[in-house]
Amino acid sequence: MSVINRVLNDIEQRNEQEKSAQGYEPVQIKEPSSIGKWLVVLIFLVICLSGASYWLMQQSENEEQTSVAEVVVKQEQVPNSDKPVGTQEPKVIAEELVKNEKHSEAEDIRTPEVLESEAKEVVSAVVQTQEKKPKEVVADLPIIVEAKPNDIKARTSKEPVKQQKLSITPVKMSTTELAQLKLTQGLKAQKVGEIAKAQEHWQEALTLMPSLHDARVQLAASYFGENNVQKAIVLLSDGNKKYETFDGYRLLAAQIYYQSNELDKALLTLSSPYLDSDASTENLTLAASIAQQLKRWPVAMANYQQLVNRQQSNPQWLLGLAIAQDAQQLTPKALQNYQQLLMFTRDQGIYNYAQQRINALQSELEQ
């Protein structure tokens, strides 16, 4: 079989050389009359029996076709054959052999001399091919193994892979920072409706820092929201005793009393803010409004006077001051504030009321 393969390869190489030199043209390949052991028998029969009949020669050619087909089939079954790169496939070679054999059958009867010369050419070609062609070595196909980068690093690196660990370092907070944190946590809990949890956070904040006024105010307001007025007042009173300069506790307590319809306690809790020049505007406004409702005109006038001194163009405060003066029959002062009110108010109702009181007071003065 190896001899046949070499003969076919040599024929194919010669065909490729002719194609490269002359261009592609179909070449009729004349296959030898026999292959392998039948080749020797055919040569012997051609030399000795040159005058054999046509029927014997045709039978010999049929046997030759069968042997060539078997060789081609066996060649297809052998993996990694000695076929060089660029050679034709076995199926193509078999087709060409069959085509040439059919062509040879269509030819006329060849003479014994022609057959003898063709046999000699085939023998010489086989000998030359065996001498020139070195022994081919079939190389094993390489096996490709894909490796992941992590596997390669793990194999090549002798040192073990260090795994990073998450370390948590505790942060030390001051008392003030921790109290502020509790205040913030309480506000967040209040937003989501967790009032009990919010109160717990605010109580913790006050324990850490009693001067944290926002925590006390928020906690007292939450108690009042639960209708626990007494608990809210106690908390605010305690804060007011400890921090008398802080006005927020008095204001919140007065608002709680005011909402509870305890106006006297509300006004008493405010502690006459008009006497304090540093009192907040909210404290003065609430005290003046409560005193006006209680018809305590001197207290109402004192608080409104403080507010007008801070902002003379405020219509609400001018109206309250004029009413308090008018109620105490301080006609000249009331008339002056009513007239000033007409310059700043944009409310038609207040304007009409102030104009009526101006007319009435002027009439009283004329009389």
Protein backbone atom coordinates (compact mmCIF):
# COMPACT_ATOMS: atom_id res chain seq x y z
CA MET A 1 0.00 0.00 0.00
CA SER A 2 2.84 2.42 0.73
CA VAL A 3 4.24 1.87 -2.79
CA ILE A 4 0.90 2.70 -4.33
CA ASN A 5 0.58 5.85 -2.20
CA ARG A 6 4.01 7.02 -3.27
CA VAL A 7 3.19 6.40 -6.94
CA LEU A 8 -0.01 8.42 -6.64
CA ASN A 9 1.75 11.24 -4.77
CA ASP A 10 4.51 11.40 -7.38
CA ILE A 11 1.95 11.60 -10.17
CA GLU A 12 0.08 14.33 -8.35
CA GLN A 13 3.26 16.38 -7.74
CA ARG A 14 4.13 16.18 -11.43
CA ASN A 15 0.62 17.33 -12.31
CA GLU A 16 0.94 20.33 -9.96
CA GLN A 17 4.29 21.30 -11.50
CA GLU A 18 2.82 21.16 -15.02
CA LYS A 19 -0.19 23.24 -13.89
CA SER A 20 2.04 25.93 -12.36
CA ALA A 21 4.18 26.14 -15.50
CA GLN A 22 1.50 25.94 -18.20
CA GLY A 23 -1.67 26.95 -16.35
CA TYR A 24 -4.50 24.69 -15.32
CA GLU A 25 -5.33 22.08 -17.91
CA PRO A 26 -6.94 18.75 -17.30
CA VAL A 27 -4.35 15.99 -17.68
CA GLN A 28 -5.32 12.50 -18.52
CA ILE A 29 -3.42 10.27 -16.13
CA LYS A 30 -2.63 6.85 -17.44
CA GLU A 31 -2.56 4.52 -14.57
CA PRO A 32 -0.40 1.44 -14.70
CA SER A 33 -2.01 -1.77 -15.73
CA SER A 34 -1.38 -3.28 -12.33
CA ILE A 35 -0.58 -2.35 -8.79
CA GLY A 36 1.50 -4.17 -6.25
CA LYS A 37 1.89 -7.84 -6.83
CA TRP A 38 -0.33 -7.75 -9.92
CA LEU A 39 2.19 -5.39 -11.52
CA VAL A 40 4.90 -8.12 -11.61
CA VAL A 41 2.46 -10.67 -12.98
CA LEU A 42 1.32 -8.25 -15.67
CA ILE A 43 4.93 -7.53 -16.75
CA PHE A 44 5.68 -11.22 -16.90
CA LEU A 45 2.55 -11.94 -18.91
CA VAL A 46 3.24 -9.03 -21.31
CA ILE A 47 6.81 -10.27 -22.01
CA CYS A 48 6.01 -13.96 -22.24
CA LEU A 49 2.47 -13.88 -23.62
CA SER A 50 2.53 -10.89 -26.02
CA GLY A 51 0.16 -12.57 -28.32
CA ALA A 52 -2.55 -13.21 -25.71
CA SER A 53 -6.12 -12.72 -26.78
CA TYR A 54 -8.15 -9.49 -26.24
CA TRP A 55 -10.49 -11.24 -23.83
CA LEU A 56 -7.66 -12.17 -21.45
CA MET A 57 -6.33 -8.60 -21.49
CA GLN A 58 -9.82 -7.18 -20.73
CA GLN A 59 -10.29 -9.59 -17.83
CA SER A 60 -6.89 -8.55 -16.45
CA GLU A 61 -7.90 -4.88 -16.64
CA ASN A 62 -11.17 -5.57 -14.78
CA GLU A 63 -9.25 -7.25 -11.97
CA GLU A 64 -6.92 -4.28 -11.87
CA GLN A 65 -9.85 -1.84 -11.35
CA THR A 66 -11.14 -3.93 -8.45
CA SER A 67 -7.75 -3.94 -6.73
CA VAL A 68 -7.36 -0.16 -7.14
CA ALA A 69 -10.81 0.50 -5.62
CA GLU A 70 -9.96 -1.71 -2.61
CA VAL A 71 -6.69 0.12 -2.09
CA VAL A 72 -8.45 3.51 -2.15
CA VAL A 73 -11.06 2.34 0.32
CA LYS A 74 -8.36 1.06 2.69
CA GLN A 75 -6.48 4.32 2.34
CA GLU A 76 -9.57 6.27 3.45
CA GLN A 77 -9.89 4.11 6.56
CA VAL A 78 -6.31 4.71 7.72
CA PRO A 79 -6.15 7.92 9.90
CA ASN A 80 -3.31 10.42 9.46
CA SER A 81 -2.01 8.97 6.20
CA ASP A 82 1.34 10.00 4.73
CA LYS A 83 -0.36 12.46 2.41
CA PRO A 84 1.62 15.71 2.19
CA VAL A 85 -0.06 19.10 2.47
CA GLY A 86 -1.65 20.14 -0.79
CA THR A 87 -2.28 16.60 -2.20
CA GLN A 88 -5.64 15.56 -3.53
CA GLU A 89 -8.16 13.61 -1.46
CA PRO A 90 -8.41 9.82 -1.93
CA LYS A 91 -11.94 10.11 -3.30
CA VAL A 92 -10.76 12.48 -6.05
CA ILE A 93 -7.91 10.12 -6.96
CA ALA A 94 -10.32 7.20 -7.16
CA GLU A 95 -12.62 9.18 -9.43
CA GLU A 96 -9.71 10.02 -11.72
CA LEU A 97 -8.62 6.34 -11.77
CA VAL A 98 -12.10 5.19 -12.73
CA LYS A 99 -12.32 7.89 -15.38
CA ASN A 100 -8.95 6.85 -16.85
CA GLU A 101 -9.93 3.19 -16.74
CA LYS A 102 -13.13 3.89 -18.60
CA HIS A 103 -11.17 5.89 -21.13
CA SER A 104 -8.70 3.03 -21.57
CA GLU A 105 -11.57 0.61 -22.21
CA ALA A 106 -12.88 2.82 -24.99
CA GLU A 107 -9.50 2.81 -26.77
CA ASP A 108 -8.64 0.32 -29.45
CA ILE A 109 -6.69 -2.81 -28.78
CA ARG A 110 -3.13 -1.82 -27.86
CA THR A 111 -0.23 -3.80 -29.18
CA PRO A 112 2.01 -5.88 -26.88
CA GLU A 113 4.91 -3.52 -27.61
CA VAL A 114 2.96 -0.58 -26.25
CA LEU A 115 1.95 -2.49 -23.15
CA GLU A 116 5.53 -3.58 -22.57
CA SER A 117 6.85 -0.01 -22.83
CA GLU A 118 4.18 1.32 -20.42
CA ALA A 119 5.02 -1.37 -17.89
CA LYS A 120 8.72 -0.48 -18.03
CA GLU A 121 7.92 3.18 -17.47
CA VAL A 122 5.84 2.38 -14.41
CA VAL A 123 8.58 0.19 -12.91
CA SER A 124 11.24 2.85 -13.45
CA ALA A 125 8.97 5.54 -11.93
CA VAL A 126 8.37 3.40 -8.85
CA VAL A 127 12.12 2.80 -8.39
CA GLN A 128 12.99 6.49 -8.79
CA THR A 129 10.27 7.53 -6.36
CA GLN A 130 11.53 5.14 -3.70
CA GLU A 131 15.10 6.45 -4.08
CA LYS A 132 14.29 10.17 -4.09
CA LYS A 133 11.49 10.32 -1.57
CA PRO A 134 12.68 10.19 2.05
CA LYS A 135 10.89 8.23 4.66
CA GLU A 136 8.00 10.31 5.95
CA VAL A 137 7.28 10.57 9.61
CA VAL A 138 3.76 11.10 10.73
CA ALA A 139 3.74 13.61 13.57
CA ASP A 140 1.23 13.27 16.31
CA LEU A 141 -1.39 15.94 16.45
CA PRO A 142 -0.86 18.35 19.35
CA ILE A 143 -3.44 18.32 22.09
CA ILE A 144 -4.56 21.85 22.99
CA VAL A 145 -5.66 22.34 26.56
CA GLU A 146 -7.22 25.64 27.49
CA ALA A 147 -6.24 26.88 30.91
CA LYS A 148 -7.74 29.76 32.77
CA PRO A 149 -5.45 32.59 33.91
CA ASN A 150 -6.16 31.82 37.55
CA ASP A 151 -5.15 28.14 37.04
CA ILE A 152 -1.89 29.16 35.32
CA LYS A 153 -1.02 31.57 38.09
CA ALA A 154 -1.82 28.97 40.72
CA ARG A 155 0.43 26.37 39.04
CA THR A 156 3.37 28.65 38.19
CA SER A 157 3.36 30.52 41.49
CA LYS A 158 4.93 28.64 44.31
CA GLU A 159 3.63 31.03 46.93
CA PRO A 160 0.05 30.50 48.14
CA VAL A 161 -2.50 33.05 47.01
CA LYS A 162 -3.23 35.55 49.73
CA GLN A 163 -6.91 36.18 50.23
CA GLN A 164 -7.93 39.65 51.28
CA LYS A 165 -9.95 39.76 54.45
CA LEU A 166 -12.46 42.44 55.35
CA SER A 167 -11.37 44.17 58.51
CA ILE A 168 -13.72 46.31 60.55
CA THR A 169 -12.03 48.94 62.69
CA PRO A 170 -14.22 50.39 65.41
CA VAL A 171 -14.40 54.19 65.41
CA LYS A 172 -14.38 55.90 68.76
CA MET A 173 -16.96 58.69 69.01
CA SER A 174 -17.13 61.45 71.55
CA THR A 175 -20.11 61.88 73.84
CA THR A 176 -21.36 64.84 71.83
CA GLU A 177 -21.07 62.96 68.53
CA LEU A 178 -22.84 59.91 69.95
CA ALA A 179 -25.66 62.10 71.32
CA GLN A 180 -26.07 63.77 67.90
CA LEU A 181 -26.19 60.32 66.33
CA LYS A 182 -28.99 59.24 68.66
CA LEU A 183 -30.90 62.43 67.82
CA THR A 184 -30.61 61.68 64.10
CA GLN A 185 -31.66 58.08 64.58
CA GLY A 186 -34.73 59.26 66.50
CA LEU A 187 -35.72 61.63 63.69
CA LYS A 188 -35.40 58.83 61.13
CA ALA A 189 -37.52 56.50 63.25
CA GLN A 190 -40.15 59.23 63.64
CA LYS A 191 -40.40 59.64 59.85
CA VAL A 192 -41.30 55.99 59.40
CA GLY A 193 -43.84 56.07 62.25
CA GLU A 194 -41.76 54.24 64.88
CA ILE A 195 -42.52 56.69 67.69
CA ALA A 196 -41.54 54.41 70.57
CA LYS A 197 -38.16 53.73 69.00
CA ALA A 198 -37.68 57.43 68.32
CA GLN A 199 -38.44 58.29 71.96
CA GLU A 200 -35.89 55.70 73.06
CA HIS A 201 -33.19 57.28 70.90
CA TRP A 202 -33.99 60.79 72.16
CA GLN A 203 -33.93 59.65 75.79
CA GLU A 204 -30.50 58.09 75.19
CA ALA A 205 -29.31 61.35 73.63
CA LEU A 206 -30.44 63.35 76.68
CA THR A 207 -28.72 60.88 79.00
CA LEU A 208 -25.47 61.37 77.13
CA MET A 209 -25.90 65.13 76.72
CA PRO A 210 -28.59 66.88 78.83
CA SER A 211 -27.94 70.20 77.08
CA LEU A 212 -29.06 68.81 73.72
CA HIS A 213 -32.16 71.00 73.49
CA ASP A 214 -33.41 69.57 70.19
CA ALA A 215 -33.67 66.08 71.69
CA ARG A 216 -35.69 67.38 74.67
CA VAL A 217 -38.04 69.41 72.47
CA GLN A 218 -38.63 66.46 70.11
CA LEU A 219 -39.25 64.10 73.01
CA ALA A 220 -41.73 66.48 74.70
CA ALA A 221 -43.56 67.08 71.41
CA SER A 222 -43.89 63.32 70.92
CA TYR A 223 -45.41 62.99 74.39
CA PHE A 224 -47.90 65.75 73.59
CA GLY A 225 -48.72 63.99 70.31
CA GLU A 226 -49.69 60.95 72.39
CA ASN A 227 -51.95 63.22 74.55
CA ASN A 228 -49.59 62.75 77.48
CA VAL A 229 -49.61 66.44 78.44
CA GLN A 230 -48.35 65.96 81.99
CA LYS A 231 -45.26 64.02 80.93
CA ALA A 232 -44.43 66.62 78.29
CA ILE A 233 -44.81 69.53 80.76
CA VAL A 234 -42.61 67.83 83.36
CA LEU A 235 -39.86 67.27 80.82
CA LEU A 236 -40.02 70.90 79.63
CA SER A 237 -40.16 72.33 83.16
CA ASP A 238 -37.06 70.36 84.08
CA GLY A 239 -35.26 71.73 81.06
CA ASN A 240 -36.43 75.30 81.80
CA LYS A 241 -35.04 75.10 85.35
CA LYS A 242 -31.66 73.83 84.15
CA TYR A 243 -31.39 76.21 81.20
CA GLU A 244 -33.32 79.39 82.00
CA THR A 245 -31.79 81.31 79.11
CA PHE A 246 -33.19 78.87 76.56
CA ASP A 247 -36.55 80.24 75.36
CA GLY A 248 -37.69 77.11 73.51
CA TYR A 249 -38.88 75.21 76.56
CA ARG A 250 -41.17 78.06 77.73
CA LEU A 251 -42.56 78.57 74.25
CA LEU A 252 -43.37 74.88 73.73
CA ALA A 253 -44.92 74.56 77.17
CA ALA A 254 -47.10 77.66 76.53
CA GLN A 255 -48.23 76.22 73.20
CA ILE A 256 -49.18 72.95 74.90
CA TYR A 257 -51.20 74.86 77.49
CA TYR A 258 -52.75 77.01 74.78
CA GLN A 259 -53.80 73.92 72.78
CA SER A 260 -55.24 72.51 75.99
CA ASN A 261 -57.26 75.75 76.40
CA GLU A 262 -55.39 76.70 79.57
CA LEU A 263 -54.64 80.31 78.59
CA ASP A 264 -53.68 81.56 82.06
CA LYS A 265 -51.03 78.84 82.46
CA ALA A 266 -49.81 79.51 78.96
CA LEU A 267 -49.33 83.24 79.64
CA LEU A 268 -47.73 82.54 83.01
CA THR A 269 -45.30 80.09 81.46
CA LEU A 270 -44.06 82.77 79.04
CA SER A 271 -42.85 84.78 82.07
CA SER A 272 -43.59 88.28 80.71
CA PRO A 273 -41.30 88.13 77.68
CA TYR A 274 -41.73 91.87 77.00
CA LEU A 275 -39.45 92.49 79.97
CA ASP A 276 -36.63 90.63 78.19
CA SER A 277 -35.12 92.48 75.28
CA ASP A 278 -33.58 89.21 74.05
CA ALA A 279 -36.91 87.36 73.99
CA SER A 280 -37.75 85.65 70.73
CA THR A 281 -40.30 87.12 68.32
CA GLU A 282 -42.38 83.94 68.59
CA ASN A 283 -42.51 84.30 72.39
CA LEU A 284 -43.61 87.94 72.21
CA THR A 285 -46.25 87.25 69.56
CA LEU A 286 -47.78 84.33 71.48
CA ALA A 287 -47.80 86.29 74.75
CA ALA A 288 -49.44 89.34 73.13
CA SER A 289 -52.11 87.19 71.44
CA ILE A 290 -52.95 85.30 74.67
CA ALA A 291 -53.08 88.53 76.69
CA GLN A 292 -55.39 90.10 74.09
CA GLN A 293 -57.75 87.11 74.28
CA LEU A 294 -57.69 87.35 78.07
CA LYS A 295 -58.26 91.13 77.72
CA ARG A 296 -55.20 91.84 79.74
CA TRP A 297 -54.57 95.01 77.78
CA PRO A 298 -51.49 96.32 79.58
CA VAL A 299 -49.66 93.03 79.02
CA ALA A 300 -50.88 92.86 75.43
CA MET A 301 -49.82 96.49 74.79
CA ALA A 302 -46.37 95.89 76.30
CA ASN A 303 -45.72 92.87 74.09
CA TYR A 304 -47.05 94.55 70.90
CA GLN A 305 -44.94 97.63 71.64
CA GLN A 306 -41.82 95.47 71.72
CA LEU A 307 -42.78 93.94 68.38
CA VAL A 308 -43.51 97.35 66.74
CA ASN A 309 -40.17 98.63 67.98
CA ARG A 310 -38.50 95.73 66.09
CA GLN A 311 -40.55 96.21 62.89
CA GLN A 312 -42.71 99.37 62.57
CA SER A 313 -44.24 98.45 59.19
CA ASN A 314 -45.86 95.18 60.30
CA PRO A 315 -49.68 95.68 59.95
CA GLN A 316 -50.56 92.88 62.39
CA TRP A 317 -48.48 94.31 65.19
CA LEU A 318 -49.66 97.90 64.55
CA LEU A 319 -53.28 96.75 64.69
CA GLY A 320 -52.72 94.84 67.97
CA LEU A 321 -51.00 97.83 69.57
CA ALA A 322 -53.73 100.25 68.43
CA ILE A 323 -56.49 97.98 69.75
CA ALA A 324 -54.75 97.59 73.13
CA GLN A 325 -54.34 101.40 73.42
CA ASP A 326 -57.90 102.02 72.25
CA ALA A 327 -59.21 99.61 74.90
CA GLN A 328 -57.36 101.57 77.61
CA GLN A 329 -58.76 104.86 76.19
CA LEU A 330 -55.36 106.06 75.16
CA THR A 331 -57.02 107.93 72.29
CA PRO A 332 -54.13 110.01 70.90
CA LYS A 333 -51.77 107.01 70.77
CA ALA A 334 -54.45 104.73 69.32
CA LEU A 335 -55.38 107.35 66.68
CA GLN A 336 -51.75 107.68 65.64
CA ASN A 337 -51.27 103.90 65.22
CA TYR A 338 -54.54 103.54 63.28
CA GLN A 339 -53.45 106.25 60.87
CA GLN A 340 -50.06 104.56 60.44
CA LEU A 341 -51.80 101.25 59.85
CA LEU A 342 -53.57 102.69 56.78
CA MET A 343 -50.16 103.22 55.14
CA PHE A 344 -49.01 99.59 55.39
CA THR A 345 -52.02 97.30 55.34
CA ARG A 346 -53.23 95.70 52.11
CA ASP A 347 -56.17 93.96 53.71
CA GLN A 348 -59.39 95.79 52.85
CA GLY A 349 -61.14 94.58 56.00
CA ILE A 350 -58.38 95.87 58.29
CA TYR A 351 -58.27 99.12 56.32
CA ASN A 352 -62.01 99.68 56.75
CA TYR A 353 -61.88 98.87 60.48
CA ALA A 354 -58.94 101.25 61.02
CA GLN A 355 -60.76 104.02 59.09
CA GLN A 356 -63.90 103.61 61.21
CA ARG A 357 -61.91 103.81 64.45
CA ILE A 358 -60.08 106.91 63.19
CA ASN A 359 -63.39 108.65 62.49
CA ALA A 360 -64.79 107.66 65.89
CA LEU A 361 -61.71 108.76 67.82
CA GLN A 362 -61.54 112.08 65.98
CA SER A 363 -65.19 112.70 66.81
CA GLU A 364 -64.52 112.00 70.48
CA LEU A 365 -61.62 114.42 70.51
CA GLU A 366 -63.74 117.19 68.95
CA GLN A 367 -66.42 116.76 71.56
